[in-house]
């Protein structure tokens, strides 16, 4: 059902990945200009894939096992995006002008936390269904 707690967690992941990259800056370049996800195509594509996987996972509420696997795939994509951000931030620190990292770099961390919470709730539901089947 859509009113389960994991659906709320997944909707939060969708909103965080689809809206926040356009609101908060990822980093500032050497001239002090804020760089958003819309300015970097690969970052934008990463966030949109993560948001679409979260939305697809919300709509797969009838198949908990596939929802669980899709959330794990989404966690892996978030970790890859976080690694790209870490690599990018290490390259930014070597510039001649001092650049500043933005709060938007931590969006994948927030997504991973809510995906872990969603997977925990899905596992709890799956265990509940298995225990009810044992009583029959």
Protein backbone atom coordinates (compact mmCIF):
# COMPACT_ATOMS: atom_id res chain seq x y z
CA UNK A 1 0.00 0.00 0.00
CA UNK A 2 1.07 3.54 -0.54
CA UNK A 3 0.51 4.60 3.06
CA UNK A 4 3.35 2.45 4.41
CA UNK A 5 6.31 4.14 6.06
CA UNK A 6 8.75 2.97 3.39
CA UNK A 7 6.67 4.79 0.78
CA UNK A 8 7.11 8.00 2.76
CA UNK A 9 10.86 7.40 3.00
CA UNK A 10 11.06 6.78 -0.74
CA UNK A 11 9.04 9.91 -1.51
CA UNK A 12 11.49 11.87 0.64
CA UNK A 13 14.35 10.39 -1.41
CA UNK A 14 12.51 11.40 -4.59
CA UNK A 15 11.97 14.97 -3.39
CA UNK A 16 15.53 15.33 -2.07
CA UNK A 17 17.03 14.04 -5.32
CA UNK A 18 14.68 15.86 -7.69
CA UNK A 19 14.33 19.26 -5.99
CA UNK A 20 17.31 20.00 -3.75
CA UNK A 21 20.02 19.90 -6.45
CA UNK A 22 18.33 22.90 -8.08
CA UNK A 23 17.97 24.80 -4.79
CA UNK A 24 21.30 24.32 -3.03
CA UNK A 25 24.67 24.77 -4.65
CA UNK A 26 27.05 21.85 -5.07
CA UNK A 27 30.22 23.92 -4.97
CA UNK A 28 31.63 27.31 -5.92
CA UNK A 29 34.16 27.63 -8.68
CA UNK A 30 37.35 29.68 -8.59
CA UNK A 31 35.53 32.94 -9.39
CA UNK A 32 33.02 32.42 -6.57
CA UNK A 33 30.09 31.47 -8.83
CA UNK A 34 27.76 28.85 -7.35
CA UNK A 35 27.52 25.65 -9.39
CA UNK A 36 24.15 23.90 -9.34
CA UNK A 37 23.17 20.50 -10.73
CA UNK A 38 21.61 22.16 -13.78
CA UNK A 39 25.04 23.46 -14.76
CA UNK A 40 26.67 20.03 -14.80
CA UNK A 41 25.02 17.50 -17.12
CA UNK A 42 26.50 14.36 -15.52
CA UNK A 43 25.41 15.46 -12.05
CA UNK A 44 21.92 16.30 -13.29
CA UNK A 45 21.61 12.90 -14.97
CA UNK A 46 22.77 11.16 -11.79
CA UNK A 47 20.21 12.93 -9.63
CA UNK A 48 17.41 12.31 -12.13
CA UNK A 49 18.21 8.58 -12.34
CA UNK A 50 18.21 8.37 -8.54
CA UNK A 51 14.91 10.25 -8.30
CA UNK A 52 13.27 8.12 -10.99
CA UNK A 53 14.42 4.88 -9.31
CA UNK A 54 12.92 6.08 -6.03
CA UNK A 55 9.62 6.89 -7.74
CA UNK A 56 9.55 3.52 -9.51
CA UNK A 57 10.27 1.84 -6.18
CA UNK A 58 7.32 3.65 -4.57
CA UNK A 59 5.05 2.37 -7.32
CA UNK A 60 6.31 -1.23 -6.86
CA UNK A 61 4.68 -1.54 -3.43
CA UNK A 62 3.07 -4.88 -4.32
CA UNK A 63 6.39 -6.60 -5.00
CA UNK A 64 8.48 -6.06 -1.89
CA UNK A 65 11.44 -8.17 -3.02
CA UNK A 66 11.92 -6.18 -6.23
CA UNK A 67 11.40 -2.96 -4.27
CA UNK A 68 14.17 -4.02 -1.89
CA UNK A 69 16.55 -4.82 -4.78
CA UNK A 70 15.73 -1.54 -6.54
CA UNK A 71 16.50 0.38 -3.36
CA UNK A 72 19.86 -1.36 -3.08
CA UNK A 73 20.64 -0.40 -6.68
CA UNK A 74 19.65 3.16 -5.83
CA UNK A 75 22.03 3.10 -2.83
CA UNK A 76 24.86 1.96 -5.10
CA UNK A 77 24.14 4.80 -7.53
CA UNK A 78 24.12 7.27 -4.63
CA UNK A 79 27.48 5.93 -3.46
CA UNK A 80 28.89 6.32 -6.98
CA UNK A 81 27.60 9.91 -7.14
CA UNK A 82 29.07 10.59 -3.71
CA UNK A 83 32.41 9.20 -4.87
CA UNK A 84 32.32 11.44 -7.94
CA UNK A 85 31.61 14.41 -5.67
CA UNK A 86 34.51 13.46 -3.41
CA UNK A 87 36.83 13.15 -6.40
CA UNK A 88 35.59 16.48 -7.74
CA UNK A 89 36.03 18.21 -4.38
CA UNK A 90 39.59 16.93 -4.10
CA UNK A 91 40.30 18.37 -7.52
CA UNK A 92 38.67 21.66 -6.59
CA UNK A 93 40.93 22.12 -3.58
CA UNK A 94 44.04 22.27 -5.77
CA UNK A 95 42.98 25.38 -7.70
CA UNK A 96 44.93 28.60 -7.50
CA UNK A 97 41.86 30.45 -6.22
CA UNK A 98 40.25 29.00 -3.13
CA UNK A 99 36.95 27.33 -3.98
CA UNK A 100 34.19 26.45 -1.55
CA UNK A 101 32.29 23.20 -1.29
CA UNK A 102 28.51 23.50 -1.04
CA UNK A 103 25.98 21.65 1.05
CA UNK A 104 24.60 20.00 -2.09
CA UNK A 105 27.46 17.51 -2.07
CA UNK A 106 25.78 15.79 0.91
CA UNK A 107 22.46 15.14 -0.87
CA UNK A 108 23.46 11.52 -1.70
CA UNK A 109 24.20 10.90 1.99
CA UNK A 110 20.67 12.00 2.94
CA UNK A 111 19.26 9.79 0.18
CA UNK A 112 21.26 6.79 1.38
CA UNK A 113 19.99 7.24 4.95
CA UNK A 114 16.35 7.28 3.83
CA UNK A 115 16.90 4.33 1.48
CA UNK A 116 18.36 2.31 4.35
CA UNK A 117 15.34 3.20 6.49
CA UNK A 118 13.00 2.19 3.64
CA UNK A 119 14.78 -1.14 3.19
CA UNK A 120 14.56 -1.78 6.91
CA UNK A 121 10.78 -1.19 6.81
CA UNK A 122 10.42 -3.39 3.71
CA UNK A 123 12.31 -6.19 5.46
CA UNK A 124 10.04 -5.80 8.48
CA UNK A 125 6.94 -6.09 6.27
CA UNK A 126 8.36 -9.15 4.50
CA UNK A 127 9.08 -10.83 7.84
CA UNK A 128 5.53 -10.05 8.99
CA UNK A 129 4.04 -11.63 5.87
CA UNK A 130 6.23 -14.73 6.30
CA UNK A 131 5.15 -15.10 9.94
CA UNK A 132 1.47 -14.86 8.98
CA UNK A 133 1.98 -17.52 6.30
CA UNK A 134 3.43 -19.85 8.92
CA UNK A 135 0.23 -19.63 10.97
CA UNK A 136 -1.97 -20.83 8.10
